[in-house]
N, C-alpha and C. Protein backbone atom coordinates (compact mmCIF):
# COMPACT_ATOMS: atom_id res chain seq x y z
N UNK A 1 -6.36 0.27 -15.50
CA UNK A 1 -6.99 0.10 -14.18
C UNK A 1 -6.74 1.34 -13.34
N UNK A 2 -7.76 1.91 -12.75
CA UNK A 2 -7.62 3.15 -12.01
C UNK A 2 -7.89 2.88 -10.55
N UNK A 3 -6.86 3.10 -9.70
CA UNK A 3 -7.02 2.80 -8.27
C UNK A 3 -7.46 4.01 -7.49
N UNK A 4 -7.92 5.09 -8.21
CA UNK A 4 -8.32 6.28 -7.48
C UNK A 4 -9.68 6.12 -6.83
N UNK A 5 -10.43 5.04 -7.19
CA UNK A 5 -11.74 4.80 -6.59
C UNK A 5 -11.55 4.06 -5.28
N UNK A 6 -11.26 4.78 -4.22
CA UNK A 6 -10.94 4.16 -2.95
C UNK A 6 -11.86 4.68 -1.87
N UNK A 7 -11.86 3.97 -0.74
CA UNK A 7 -12.72 4.39 0.36
C UNK A 7 -12.24 5.68 0.96
N UNK A 8 -10.97 6.09 0.71
CA UNK A 8 -10.46 7.32 1.29
C UNK A 8 -11.23 8.53 0.79
N UNK A 9 -11.73 8.47 -0.48
CA UNK A 9 -12.51 9.60 -0.97
C UNK A 9 -13.99 9.23 -1.12
N UNK A 10 -14.38 8.13 -0.45
CA UNK A 10 -15.78 7.71 -0.38
C UNK A 10 -16.39 7.45 -1.76
N UNK A 11 -15.57 6.97 -2.74
CA UNK A 11 -16.10 6.70 -4.06
C UNK A 11 -16.03 5.23 -4.43
N UNK A 12 -15.49 4.39 -3.58
CA UNK A 12 -15.33 2.98 -3.94
C UNK A 12 -16.67 2.26 -3.92
N UNK A 13 -16.91 1.45 -4.93
CA UNK A 13 -18.16 0.73 -5.00
C UNK A 13 -18.23 -0.38 -3.97
N UNK A 14 -17.10 -0.67 -3.28
CA UNK A 14 -17.10 -1.70 -2.26
C UNK A 14 -17.81 -1.24 -0.99
N UNK A 15 -18.16 0.03 -0.90
CA UNK A 15 -18.68 0.55 0.35
C UNK A 15 -20.05 1.18 0.17
N UNK A 16 -20.92 0.95 1.16
CA UNK A 16 -22.21 1.60 1.19
C UNK A 16 -22.20 2.57 2.36
N UNK A 17 -22.25 3.88 2.13
CA UNK A 17 -22.13 4.85 3.22
C UNK A 17 -23.35 4.83 4.14
N UNK A 18 -23.09 5.01 5.40
CA UNK A 18 -24.14 5.10 6.41
C UNK A 18 -24.02 6.45 7.08
N UNK A 19 -25.08 7.22 7.03
CA UNK A 19 -25.04 8.54 7.65
C UNK A 19 -25.37 8.42 9.13
N UNK A 20 -24.49 8.91 9.95
CA UNK A 20 -24.69 8.84 11.38
C UNK A 20 -24.34 10.15 12.03
N UNK A 21 -24.42 10.20 13.36
CA UNK A 21 -24.10 11.42 14.08
C UNK A 21 -23.17 11.08 15.22
N UNK A 22 -22.04 11.78 15.28
CA UNK A 22 -21.06 11.53 16.33
C UNK A 22 -20.66 12.87 16.91
N UNK A 23 -20.94 13.06 18.22
CA UNK A 23 -20.59 14.30 18.90
C UNK A 23 -21.18 15.51 18.18
N UNK A 24 -22.41 15.36 17.70
CA UNK A 24 -23.07 16.49 17.06
C UNK A 24 -22.68 16.71 15.62
N UNK A 25 -21.76 15.89 15.06
CA UNK A 25 -21.32 16.07 13.70
C UNK A 25 -21.79 14.90 12.85
N UNK A 26 -22.24 15.20 11.64
CA UNK A 26 -22.67 14.15 10.74
C UNK A 26 -21.44 13.51 10.12
N UNK A 27 -21.40 12.19 10.07
CA UNK A 27 -20.24 11.48 9.55
C UNK A 27 -20.68 10.38 8.61
N UNK A 28 -19.84 10.08 7.63
CA UNK A 28 -20.08 8.97 6.73
C UNK A 28 -19.22 7.80 7.16
N UNK A 29 -19.84 6.70 7.52
CA UNK A 29 -19.10 5.56 8.04
C UNK A 29 -19.30 4.36 7.12
N UNK A 30 -18.27 3.95 6.38
CA UNK A 30 -18.41 2.77 5.54
C UNK A 30 -18.59 1.54 6.42
N UNK A 31 -19.48 0.62 6.04
CA UNK A 31 -19.74 -0.51 6.91
C UNK A 31 -19.51 -1.85 6.24
N UNK A 32 -18.82 -1.88 5.10
CA UNK A 32 -18.37 -3.13 4.52
C UNK A 32 -16.85 -3.15 4.51
N UNK A 33 -16.29 -4.34 4.65
CA UNK A 33 -14.84 -4.44 4.69
C UNK A 33 -14.24 -4.10 3.33
N UNK A 34 -13.07 -3.47 3.31
CA UNK A 34 -12.39 -3.20 2.05
C UNK A 34 -11.85 -4.49 1.45
N UNK A 35 -11.65 -4.48 0.16
CA UNK A 35 -11.09 -5.64 -0.51
C UNK A 35 -9.62 -5.78 -0.16
N UNK A 36 -9.23 -6.95 0.31
CA UNK A 36 -7.83 -7.18 0.71
C UNK A 36 -7.31 -8.47 0.10
N UNK A 37 -6.00 -8.57 0.01
CA UNK A 37 -5.37 -9.81 -0.42
C UNK A 37 -5.33 -10.80 0.74
N UNK A 38 -5.54 -12.05 0.45
CA UNK A 38 -5.37 -13.07 1.48
C UNK A 38 -3.87 -13.26 1.72
N UNK A 39 -3.54 -13.94 2.80
CA UNK A 39 -2.13 -14.23 3.08
C UNK A 39 -1.50 -15.01 1.95
N UNK A 40 -2.22 -15.98 1.40
CA UNK A 40 -1.70 -16.77 0.29
C UNK A 40 -1.47 -15.91 -0.94
N UNK A 41 -2.39 -14.98 -1.21
CA UNK A 41 -2.22 -14.10 -2.36
C UNK A 41 -1.02 -13.18 -2.18
N UNK A 42 -0.80 -12.73 -0.97
CA UNK A 42 0.38 -11.90 -0.73
C UNK A 42 1.66 -12.69 -0.98
N UNK A 43 1.68 -13.93 -0.53
CA UNK A 43 2.87 -14.77 -0.78
C UNK A 43 3.06 -15.01 -2.27
N UNK A 44 1.97 -15.28 -2.96
CA UNK A 44 2.04 -15.55 -4.40
C UNK A 44 2.57 -14.35 -5.18
N UNK A 45 2.09 -13.16 -4.87
CA UNK A 45 2.51 -11.98 -5.62
C UNK A 45 3.95 -11.62 -5.32
N UNK A 46 4.38 -11.82 -4.08
CA UNK A 46 5.77 -11.55 -3.74
C UNK A 46 6.69 -12.57 -4.41
N UNK A 47 6.23 -13.80 -4.51
CA UNK A 47 7.03 -14.83 -5.18
C UNK A 47 7.09 -14.55 -6.69
N UNK A 48 5.97 -14.14 -7.26
CA UNK A 48 5.91 -13.90 -8.71
C UNK A 48 6.81 -12.73 -9.12
N UNK A 49 6.90 -11.71 -8.27
CA UNK A 49 7.69 -10.52 -8.61
C UNK A 49 9.14 -10.62 -8.18
N UNK A 50 9.52 -11.72 -7.55
CA UNK A 50 10.86 -11.83 -6.96
C UNK A 50 11.98 -11.60 -7.98
N UNK A 51 11.73 -11.94 -9.24
CA UNK A 51 12.77 -11.79 -10.25
C UNK A 51 12.87 -10.39 -10.83
N UNK A 52 11.96 -9.50 -10.45
CA UNK A 52 11.97 -8.12 -10.93
C UNK A 52 12.08 -7.22 -9.70
N UNK A 53 13.30 -6.78 -9.41
CA UNK A 53 13.56 -6.12 -8.13
C UNK A 53 12.79 -4.82 -7.98
N UNK A 54 12.65 -4.07 -9.06
CA UNK A 54 11.91 -2.81 -8.95
C UNK A 54 10.46 -3.07 -8.58
N UNK A 55 9.77 -3.92 -9.34
CA UNK A 55 8.36 -4.17 -9.08
C UNK A 55 8.15 -4.88 -7.75
N UNK A 56 9.05 -5.77 -7.40
CA UNK A 56 8.96 -6.46 -6.12
C UNK A 56 9.07 -5.45 -4.97
N UNK A 57 9.98 -4.49 -5.11
CA UNK A 57 10.15 -3.48 -4.06
C UNK A 57 8.94 -2.58 -3.96
N UNK A 58 8.34 -2.25 -5.10
CA UNK A 58 7.12 -1.43 -5.08
C UNK A 58 6.00 -2.14 -4.34
N UNK A 59 5.79 -3.42 -4.65
CA UNK A 59 4.74 -4.19 -3.98
C UNK A 59 5.04 -4.32 -2.49
N UNK A 60 6.28 -4.63 -2.15
CA UNK A 60 6.67 -4.78 -0.75
C UNK A 60 6.50 -3.48 0.01
N UNK A 61 6.86 -2.37 -0.63
CA UNK A 61 6.73 -1.07 0.01
C UNK A 61 5.26 -0.76 0.30
N UNK A 62 4.39 -1.04 -0.65
CA UNK A 62 2.96 -0.79 -0.44
C UNK A 62 2.39 -1.69 0.65
N UNK A 63 2.80 -2.95 0.66
CA UNK A 63 2.31 -3.89 1.68
C UNK A 63 2.89 -3.58 3.06
N UNK A 64 4.08 -3.03 3.10
CA UNK A 64 4.73 -2.78 4.39
C UNK A 64 4.47 -1.42 4.99
N UNK A 65 3.94 -0.49 4.19
CA UNK A 65 3.74 0.87 4.69
C UNK A 65 2.32 1.38 4.49
N UNK A 66 1.57 0.77 3.57
CA UNK A 66 0.24 1.28 3.27
C UNK A 66 0.26 2.56 2.45
N UNK A 67 1.39 2.86 1.80
CA UNK A 67 1.46 4.07 0.98
C UNK A 67 0.51 3.96 -0.22
N UNK A 68 -0.06 5.07 -0.60
CA UNK A 68 -0.91 5.13 -1.78
C UNK A 68 -0.04 5.15 -3.04
N UNK A 69 -0.65 4.84 -4.18
CA UNK A 69 0.10 4.77 -5.42
C UNK A 69 0.82 6.08 -5.73
N UNK A 70 0.13 7.20 -5.61
CA UNK A 70 0.75 8.50 -5.91
C UNK A 70 1.92 8.77 -4.98
N UNK A 71 1.82 8.31 -3.75
CA UNK A 71 2.91 8.52 -2.79
C UNK A 71 4.11 7.64 -3.14
N UNK A 72 3.84 6.40 -3.58
CA UNK A 72 4.93 5.49 -3.95
C UNK A 72 5.72 6.06 -5.13
N UNK A 73 5.01 6.43 -6.19
CA UNK A 73 5.72 6.91 -7.38
C UNK A 73 6.34 8.29 -7.15
N UNK A 74 5.82 9.03 -6.18
CA UNK A 74 6.35 10.36 -5.90
C UNK A 74 7.58 10.39 -5.01
N UNK A 75 7.94 9.25 -4.44
CA UNK A 75 9.10 9.20 -3.55
C UNK A 75 10.40 9.51 -4.29
N UNK A 76 11.27 10.26 -3.63
CA UNK A 76 12.62 10.52 -4.13
C UNK A 76 13.60 9.61 -3.39
N UNK A 77 14.77 9.46 -3.97
CA UNK A 77 15.81 8.63 -3.35
C UNK A 77 16.09 9.10 -1.92
N UNK A 78 16.19 10.41 -1.73
CA UNK A 78 16.51 10.95 -0.41
C UNK A 78 15.43 10.77 0.62
N UNK A 79 14.20 10.49 0.17
CA UNK A 79 13.12 10.24 1.13
C UNK A 79 13.33 8.91 1.84
N UNK A 80 13.96 7.96 1.14
CA UNK A 80 14.05 6.59 1.64
C UNK A 80 15.48 6.21 2.04
N UNK A 81 16.47 6.85 1.44
CA UNK A 81 17.86 6.50 1.71
C UNK A 81 18.66 7.69 2.24
N UNK A 82 19.57 7.39 3.17
CA UNK A 82 20.56 8.38 3.60
C UNK A 82 21.58 8.55 2.47
N UNK A 83 22.40 9.61 2.50
CA UNK A 83 23.36 9.83 1.41
C UNK A 83 24.30 8.67 1.15
N UNK A 84 24.59 7.86 2.17
CA UNK A 84 25.50 6.73 1.98
C UNK A 84 24.79 5.47 1.49
N UNK A 85 23.49 5.57 1.22
CA UNK A 85 22.75 4.43 0.72
C UNK A 85 22.09 3.58 1.78
N UNK A 86 22.16 4.00 3.02
CA UNK A 86 21.52 3.26 4.11
C UNK A 86 20.02 3.56 4.11
N UNK A 87 19.17 2.54 4.09
CA UNK A 87 17.73 2.80 4.12
C UNK A 87 17.31 3.45 5.44
N UNK A 88 16.43 4.39 5.35
CA UNK A 88 15.88 5.01 6.55
C UNK A 88 14.81 4.08 7.13
N UNK A 89 14.75 3.96 8.43
CA UNK A 89 13.70 3.14 9.05
C UNK A 89 12.46 3.98 9.31
N UNK A 90 12.61 5.30 9.20
CA UNK A 90 11.49 6.23 9.37
C UNK A 90 11.49 7.15 8.15
N UNK A 91 10.47 7.02 7.32
CA UNK A 91 10.41 7.76 6.06
C UNK A 91 9.38 8.87 6.17
N UNK A 92 9.79 10.06 5.76
CA UNK A 92 8.89 11.20 5.75
C UNK A 92 8.14 11.26 4.42
N UNK A 93 6.82 11.18 4.49
CA UNK A 93 6.01 11.36 3.28
C UNK A 93 5.76 12.85 3.14
N UNK A 94 6.42 13.45 2.17
CA UNK A 94 6.37 14.89 2.00
C UNK A 94 4.96 15.38 1.66
N UNK A 95 4.67 16.62 2.09
CA UNK A 95 3.35 17.20 1.81
C UNK A 95 3.08 17.26 0.31
N UNK A 96 4.14 17.39 -0.49
CA UNK A 96 3.98 17.51 -1.94
C UNK A 96 3.40 16.25 -2.57
N UNK A 97 3.58 15.11 -1.93
CA UNK A 97 3.08 13.86 -2.50
C UNK A 97 2.01 13.21 -1.63
N UNK A 98 1.86 13.66 -0.39
CA UNK A 98 0.89 13.05 0.52
C UNK A 98 -0.53 13.48 0.17
N UNK A 99 -1.47 12.60 0.40
CA UNK A 99 -2.88 12.94 0.14
C UNK A 99 -3.31 14.11 1.02
N UNK A 100 -3.93 15.09 0.40
CA UNK A 100 -4.39 16.25 1.15
C UNK A 100 -3.27 17.14 1.62
N UNK A 101 -2.05 16.89 1.16
CA UNK A 101 -0.91 17.70 1.59
C UNK A 101 -0.54 17.50 3.04
N UNK A 102 -0.97 16.36 3.62
CA UNK A 102 -0.70 16.09 5.03
C UNK A 102 0.59 15.26 5.16
N UNK A 103 1.69 15.93 5.41
CA UNK A 103 2.96 15.22 5.59
C UNK A 103 2.90 14.35 6.83
N UNK A 104 3.58 13.21 6.78
CA UNK A 104 3.58 12.29 7.92
C UNK A 104 4.76 11.35 7.81
N UNK A 105 5.05 10.66 8.90
CA UNK A 105 6.12 9.67 8.92
C UNK A 105 5.54 8.27 8.82
N UNK A 106 6.25 7.38 8.11
CA UNK A 106 5.92 5.97 8.11
C UNK A 106 7.15 5.19 8.54
N UNK A 107 6.92 4.10 9.24
CA UNK A 107 8.01 3.28 9.74
C UNK A 107 8.11 2.02 8.88
N UNK A 108 9.33 1.62 8.56
CA UNK A 108 9.53 0.50 7.65
C UNK A 108 9.78 -0.80 8.40
N UNK A 109 9.11 -1.88 8.00
CA UNK A 109 9.36 -3.20 8.59
C UNK A 109 10.79 -3.66 8.28
N UNK A 110 11.33 -4.53 9.12
CA UNK A 110 12.70 -5.01 8.95
C UNK A 110 12.91 -5.68 7.60
N UNK A 111 11.94 -6.49 7.16
CA UNK A 111 12.08 -7.18 5.88
C UNK A 111 12.16 -6.19 4.73
N UNK A 112 11.41 -5.11 4.82
CA UNK A 112 11.43 -4.10 3.77
C UNK A 112 12.77 -3.38 3.74
N UNK A 113 13.34 -3.10 4.90
CA UNK A 113 14.65 -2.44 4.96
C UNK A 113 15.70 -3.30 4.26
N UNK A 114 15.66 -4.60 4.49
CA UNK A 114 16.61 -5.51 3.84
C UNK A 114 16.44 -5.48 2.32
N UNK A 115 15.20 -5.44 1.85
CA UNK A 115 14.95 -5.38 0.41
C UNK A 115 15.42 -4.06 -0.18
N UNK A 116 15.28 -2.98 0.57
CA UNK A 116 15.72 -1.68 0.09
C UNK A 116 17.24 -1.62 -0.05
N UNK A 117 17.96 -2.32 0.80
CA UNK A 117 19.42 -2.38 0.64
C UNK A 117 19.78 -3.00 -0.71
N UNK A 118 19.09 -4.08 -1.06
CA UNK A 118 19.34 -4.72 -2.35
C UNK A 118 18.91 -3.81 -3.49
N UNK A 119 17.83 -3.08 -3.30
CA UNK A 119 17.34 -2.18 -4.34
C UNK A 119 18.34 -1.05 -4.61
N UNK A 120 18.96 -0.52 -3.57
CA UNK A 120 19.99 0.52 -3.74
C UNK A 120 21.14 -0.01 -4.59
N UNK A 121 21.60 -1.21 -4.27
CA UNK A 121 22.70 -1.79 -5.04
C UNK A 121 22.29 -1.99 -6.50
N UNK A 122 21.07 -2.41 -6.72
CA UNK A 122 20.56 -2.63 -8.07
C UNK A 122 20.51 -1.32 -8.85
N UNK A 123 20.03 -0.26 -8.22
CA UNK A 123 19.98 1.04 -8.89
C UNK A 123 21.38 1.53 -9.24
N UNK A 124 22.30 1.31 -8.32
CA UNK A 124 23.68 1.76 -8.57
C UNK A 124 24.29 0.98 -9.73
N UNK A 125 24.06 -0.33 -9.79
CA UNK A 125 24.60 -1.15 -10.88
C UNK A 125 23.98 -0.79 -12.23
N UNK A 126 22.74 -0.34 -12.22
CA UNK A 126 22.07 0.08 -13.45
C UNK A 126 22.48 1.48 -13.89
N UNK A 127 23.17 2.18 -13.02
CA UNK A 127 23.57 3.53 -13.35
C UNK A 127 22.46 4.55 -13.19
N UNK A 128 21.45 4.22 -12.39
CA UNK A 128 20.38 5.19 -12.15
C UNK A 128 20.85 6.29 -11.20
N UNK A 129 20.26 7.46 -11.34
CA UNK A 129 20.61 8.62 -10.52
C UNK A 129 20.28 8.33 -9.06
N UNK A 130 21.25 8.52 -8.18
CA UNK A 130 21.06 8.29 -6.75
C UNK A 130 21.10 9.59 -5.95
N UNK A 131 20.96 10.71 -6.64
CA UNK A 131 20.90 11.99 -5.95
C UNK A 131 19.65 12.04 -5.07
N UNK A 132 19.69 12.77 -3.95
CA UNK A 132 18.54 12.81 -3.04
C UNK A 132 17.23 13.22 -3.70
N UNK A 133 17.29 14.10 -4.72
CA UNK A 133 16.05 14.55 -5.36
C UNK A 133 15.71 13.76 -6.61
N UNK A 134 16.41 12.66 -6.86
CA UNK A 134 16.11 11.81 -8.01
C UNK A 134 14.95 10.89 -7.68
N UNK A 135 14.25 10.44 -8.71
CA UNK A 135 13.11 9.53 -8.51
C UNK A 135 13.57 8.21 -7.92
N UNK A 136 12.83 7.70 -6.95
CA UNK A 136 13.18 6.41 -6.36
C UNK A 136 12.90 5.28 -7.35
N UNK A 137 11.74 5.30 -7.97
CA UNK A 137 11.36 4.25 -8.93
C UNK A 137 11.32 4.84 -10.33
N UNK A 138 12.10 4.23 -11.22
CA UNK A 138 12.23 4.74 -12.58
C UNK A 138 11.72 3.73 -13.61
N UNK A 139 11.37 4.24 -14.78
CA UNK A 139 11.01 3.37 -15.89
C UNK A 139 12.27 2.97 -16.66
N UNK A 140 12.09 2.31 -17.80
CA UNK A 140 13.25 1.86 -18.57
C UNK A 140 14.07 3.02 -19.12
N UNK A 141 13.45 4.19 -19.24
CA UNK A 141 14.17 5.38 -19.72
C UNK A 141 14.84 6.13 -18.58
N UNK A 142 14.79 5.55 -17.39
CA UNK A 142 15.40 6.14 -16.20
C UNK A 142 14.76 7.46 -15.78
N UNK A 143 13.49 7.61 -16.16
CA UNK A 143 12.69 8.72 -15.66
C UNK A 143 11.69 8.19 -14.64
N UNK A 144 11.11 9.09 -13.86
CA UNK A 144 10.17 8.65 -12.82
C UNK A 144 9.07 7.80 -13.42
N UNK A 145 8.81 6.66 -12.81
CA UNK A 145 7.78 5.77 -13.30
C UNK A 145 6.41 6.41 -13.08
N UNK A 146 5.49 6.16 -13.99
CA UNK A 146 4.15 6.74 -13.89
C UNK A 146 3.21 5.83 -13.13
N UNK A 147 2.13 6.40 -12.65
CA UNK A 147 1.12 5.60 -11.97
C UNK A 147 0.52 4.57 -12.93
N UNK A 148 0.29 4.99 -14.16
CA UNK A 148 -0.29 4.07 -15.14
C UNK A 148 0.61 2.86 -15.37
N UNK A 149 1.92 3.10 -15.44
CA UNK A 149 2.86 2.00 -15.67
C UNK A 149 2.86 1.03 -14.49
N UNK A 150 2.79 1.56 -13.28
CA UNK A 150 2.75 0.70 -12.10
C UNK A 150 1.46 -0.11 -12.09
N UNK A 151 0.35 0.53 -12.42
CA UNK A 151 -0.93 -0.18 -12.46
C UNK A 151 -0.91 -1.31 -13.49
N UNK A 152 -0.32 -1.05 -14.65
CA UNK A 152 -0.23 -2.08 -15.68
C UNK A 152 0.63 -3.24 -15.20
N UNK A 153 1.79 -2.92 -14.61
CA UNK A 153 2.68 -3.97 -14.12
C UNK A 153 2.00 -4.77 -13.00
N UNK A 154 1.28 -4.08 -12.12
CA UNK A 154 0.60 -4.75 -11.01
C UNK A 154 -0.44 -5.73 -11.53
N UNK A 155 -1.22 -5.33 -12.53
CA UNK A 155 -2.21 -6.23 -13.12
C UNK A 155 -1.53 -7.42 -13.79
N UNK A 156 -0.42 -7.17 -14.48
CA UNK A 156 0.30 -8.25 -15.17
C UNK A 156 0.85 -9.27 -14.18
N UNK A 157 1.43 -8.80 -13.09
CA UNK A 157 2.00 -9.72 -12.10
C UNK A 157 0.91 -10.57 -11.44
N UNK A 158 -0.26 -10.00 -11.24
CA UNK A 158 -1.34 -10.79 -10.64
C UNK A 158 -1.73 -11.95 -11.55
N UNK A 159 -1.79 -11.67 -12.84
CA UNK A 159 -2.13 -12.75 -13.78
C UNK A 159 -1.05 -13.81 -13.78
N UNK A 160 0.19 -13.40 -13.73
CA UNK A 160 1.28 -14.37 -13.72
C UNK A 160 1.30 -15.17 -12.43
N UNK A 161 0.82 -14.55 -11.35
CA UNK A 161 0.77 -15.26 -10.07
C UNK A 161 -0.40 -16.23 -9.99
N UNK A 162 -1.29 -16.17 -10.99
CA UNK A 162 -2.42 -17.10 -11.01
C UNK A 162 -3.64 -16.62 -10.26
N UNK A 163 -3.76 -15.32 -10.02
CA UNK A 163 -4.94 -14.81 -9.33
C UNK A 163 -6.18 -15.06 -10.18
N UNK A 164 -7.30 -15.34 -9.52
CA UNK A 164 -8.54 -15.57 -10.27
C UNK A 164 -9.30 -14.27 -10.51
N UNK A 165 -8.76 -13.15 -10.06
CA UNK A 165 -9.32 -11.83 -10.34
C UNK A 165 -8.18 -10.83 -10.25
N UNK A 166 -8.40 -9.66 -10.81
CA UNK A 166 -7.36 -8.62 -10.77
C UNK A 166 -7.81 -7.51 -9.83
N UNK A 167 -6.98 -7.23 -8.84
CA UNK A 167 -7.28 -6.20 -7.85
C UNK A 167 -6.66 -4.86 -8.27
N UNK A 168 -7.24 -3.76 -7.82
CA UNK A 168 -6.63 -2.45 -8.00
C UNK A 168 -5.43 -2.30 -7.08
N UNK A 169 -4.52 -1.41 -7.43
CA UNK A 169 -3.31 -1.24 -6.63
C UNK A 169 -3.64 -0.83 -5.19
N UNK A 170 -4.73 -0.10 -5.01
CA UNK A 170 -5.08 0.38 -3.67
C UNK A 170 -5.40 -0.77 -2.72
N UNK A 171 -5.66 -1.95 -3.29
CA UNK A 171 -5.90 -3.13 -2.46
C UNK A 171 -4.69 -3.43 -1.58
N UNK A 172 -3.49 -3.08 -2.03
CA UNK A 172 -2.29 -3.29 -1.23
C UNK A 172 -2.34 -2.44 0.04
N UNK A 173 -2.82 -1.22 -0.10
CA UNK A 173 -2.96 -0.36 1.08
C UNK A 173 -4.00 -0.93 2.04
N UNK A 174 -5.14 -1.36 1.50
CA UNK A 174 -6.15 -1.99 2.34
C UNK A 174 -5.58 -3.20 3.08
N UNK A 175 -4.81 -4.00 2.36
CA UNK A 175 -4.23 -5.21 2.95
C UNK A 175 -3.26 -4.86 4.07
N UNK A 176 -2.46 -3.82 3.86
CA UNK A 176 -1.48 -3.41 4.88
C UNK A 176 -2.17 -2.95 6.16
N UNK A 177 -3.17 -2.08 6.01
CA UNK A 177 -3.87 -1.56 7.19
C UNK A 177 -4.61 -2.67 7.91
N UNK A 178 -5.25 -3.54 7.13
CA UNK A 178 -5.96 -4.67 7.73
C UNK A 178 -5.01 -5.57 8.51
N UNK A 179 -3.82 -5.80 7.95
CA UNK A 179 -2.84 -6.65 8.64
C UNK A 179 -2.41 -6.04 9.97
N UNK A 180 -2.20 -4.72 9.97
CA UNK A 180 -1.80 -4.05 11.22
C UNK A 180 -2.89 -4.18 12.26
N UNK A 181 -4.15 -3.98 11.84
CA UNK A 181 -5.22 -4.12 12.82
C UNK A 181 -5.35 -5.55 13.31
N UNK A 182 -5.24 -6.52 12.41
CA UNK A 182 -5.36 -7.93 12.80
C UNK A 182 -4.26 -8.33 13.78
N UNK A 183 -3.06 -7.78 13.62
CA UNK A 183 -1.94 -8.11 14.50
C UNK A 183 -2.07 -7.47 15.88
N UNK A 184 -2.68 -6.27 15.92
CA UNK A 184 -2.66 -5.50 17.17
C UNK A 184 -4.03 -5.34 17.82
N UNK A 185 -5.11 -5.39 17.01
CA UNK A 185 -6.46 -5.07 17.49
C UNK A 185 -6.48 -3.72 18.20
N UNK A 186 -5.66 -2.81 17.71
CA UNK A 186 -5.56 -1.46 18.26
C UNK A 186 -6.03 -0.50 17.17
N UNK A 187 -7.23 0.05 17.33
CA UNK A 187 -7.81 0.93 16.32
C UNK A 187 -6.96 2.17 16.11
N UNK A 188 -6.46 2.75 17.20
CA UNK A 188 -5.73 4.01 17.07
C UNK A 188 -4.34 3.81 16.48
N UNK A 189 -3.74 2.67 16.74
CA UNK A 189 -2.47 2.36 16.10
C UNK A 189 -2.69 2.18 14.60
N UNK A 190 -3.76 1.48 14.23
CA UNK A 190 -4.08 1.30 12.81
C UNK A 190 -4.40 2.63 12.15
N UNK A 191 -5.07 3.51 12.89
CA UNK A 191 -5.36 4.85 12.35
C UNK A 191 -4.08 5.61 12.06
N UNK A 192 -3.13 5.55 12.97
CA UNK A 192 -1.87 6.25 12.75
C UNK A 192 -1.11 5.64 11.58
N UNK A 193 -1.11 4.31 11.51
CA UNK A 193 -0.44 3.63 10.39
C UNK A 193 -1.05 4.07 9.06
N UNK A 194 -2.39 4.15 9.03
CA UNK A 194 -3.09 4.52 7.79
C UNK A 194 -3.01 6.01 7.51
N UNK A 195 -2.67 6.80 8.52
CA UNK A 195 -2.62 8.26 8.41
C UNK A 195 -4.00 8.84 8.10
N UNK A 196 -5.01 8.23 8.71
CA UNK A 196 -6.37 8.76 8.59
C UNK A 196 -6.55 9.93 9.54
N UNK A 197 -7.32 10.91 9.13
CA UNK A 197 -7.59 12.06 9.99
C UNK A 197 -8.47 11.63 11.17
N UNK A 198 -9.45 10.77 10.89
CA UNK A 198 -10.39 10.34 11.92
C UNK A 198 -10.35 8.83 12.10
N UNK A 199 -10.49 8.34 13.33
CA UNK A 199 -10.57 6.89 13.53
C UNK A 199 -11.83 6.29 12.93
N UNK A 200 -12.84 7.13 12.65
CA UNK A 200 -14.05 6.61 12.00
C UNK A 200 -13.71 5.97 10.66
N UNK A 201 -12.77 6.56 9.94
CA UNK A 201 -12.38 5.99 8.65
C UNK A 201 -11.74 4.63 8.83
N UNK A 202 -11.01 4.47 9.92
CA UNK A 202 -10.27 3.24 10.16
C UNK A 202 -11.15 2.11 10.65
N UNK A 203 -12.33 2.43 11.17
CA UNK A 203 -13.19 1.39 11.74
C UNK A 203 -13.57 0.33 10.72
N UNK A 204 -13.52 0.66 9.43
CA UNK A 204 -13.87 -0.32 8.41
C UNK A 204 -12.94 -1.54 8.46
N UNK A 205 -11.73 -1.35 8.97
CA UNK A 205 -10.77 -2.45 9.04
C UNK A 205 -10.98 -3.35 10.25
N UNK A 206 -11.92 -2.98 11.11
CA UNK A 206 -12.24 -3.85 12.25
C UNK A 206 -13.25 -4.92 11.85
N UNK A 207 -13.82 -4.82 10.67
CA UNK A 207 -14.81 -5.78 10.20
C UNK A 207 -14.10 -7.00 9.61
N UNK A 208 -14.79 -8.13 9.51
CA UNK A 208 -14.16 -9.34 8.99
C UNK A 208 -13.54 -9.11 7.61
N UNK A 209 -12.32 -9.60 7.44
CA UNK A 209 -11.62 -9.45 6.17
C UNK A 209 -12.11 -10.49 5.16
N UNK A 210 -11.70 -10.32 3.91
CA UNK A 210 -12.05 -11.29 2.87
C UNK A 210 -11.54 -12.69 3.24
N UNK A 211 -10.32 -12.74 3.78
CA UNK A 211 -9.74 -14.03 4.14
C UNK A 211 -10.54 -14.69 5.26
N UNK A 212 -10.94 -13.92 6.25
CA UNK A 212 -11.73 -14.46 7.36
C UNK A 212 -13.09 -14.96 6.88
N UNK A 213 -13.72 -14.19 6.00
CA UNK A 213 -15.01 -14.60 5.47
C UNK A 213 -14.89 -15.90 4.67
N UNK A 214 -13.88 -15.97 3.80
CA UNK A 214 -13.69 -17.18 2.98
C UNK A 214 -13.44 -18.40 3.86
N UNK A 215 -12.64 -18.21 4.91
CA UNK A 215 -12.34 -19.33 5.78
C UNK A 215 -13.55 -19.85 6.52
N UNK A 216 -14.47 -18.96 6.86
CA UNK A 216 -15.65 -19.37 7.64
C UNK A 216 -16.70 -20.08 6.80
N UNK A 217 -16.79 -19.72 5.51
CA UNK A 217 -17.88 -20.29 4.71
C UNK A 217 -17.50 -21.61 4.03
N UNK A 218 -16.24 -21.99 4.07
CA UNK A 218 -15.82 -23.19 3.36
C UNK A 218 -16.50 -24.46 3.90
N UNK A 219 -16.80 -24.45 5.19
CA UNK A 219 -17.38 -25.66 5.78
C UNK A 219 -18.89 -25.66 5.79
N UNK A 220 -19.53 -24.71 5.13
CA UNK A 220 -20.99 -24.66 5.15
C UNK A 220 -21.59 -25.86 4.40
N UNK A 221 -22.67 -26.37 4.94
CA UNK A 221 -23.41 -27.44 4.27
C UNK A 221 -24.25 -26.81 3.15
N UNK A 222 -24.04 -27.29 1.95
CA UNK A 222 -24.80 -26.70 0.82
C UNK A 222 -24.83 -27.67 -0.35
């Protein structure tokens, strides 16, 4: 499964581009909502992965920060933890791993910080390298986990959780940004959370989500 087909590079089949003009500049504005997990699906996947701390932390990190897959697997221990093992509440996404080389800060939710504390202890008990430049997420050989391996695990966990379809990993980012907008109804805050260059890209999250659409059509007479 390849999650590189996302609305960020205007290649996702979920979107139909609309050419418009804003302040004299031509812009592509997607006008369909991105695919997102429902609240129930988020609970199910977190419950299903609870017994696998690495995969659970990866899913939680994506849901709590909106990080892209390449950014998640590219994180080093020092990006997320202080030398004493304390999780940082403000994580710097380095230019080397950020999309377009645009370094930025992301803020971690309280629940994610608590999970990261447990993850540090787990890595230490497994004997994984905790040096600042060591990989944050490792495979069974204790080398940096690959995007392909994360995608495979993500698809497997969805099936175990009982999903009736398999979503791409990028759906976690869509779900995170959508949740921030739904909680705040602040387009510019959601733009900063998503680290979009333009708020035009973020406007897609102001449209009805999959969960909202499903909830509205259930009572239709048919």
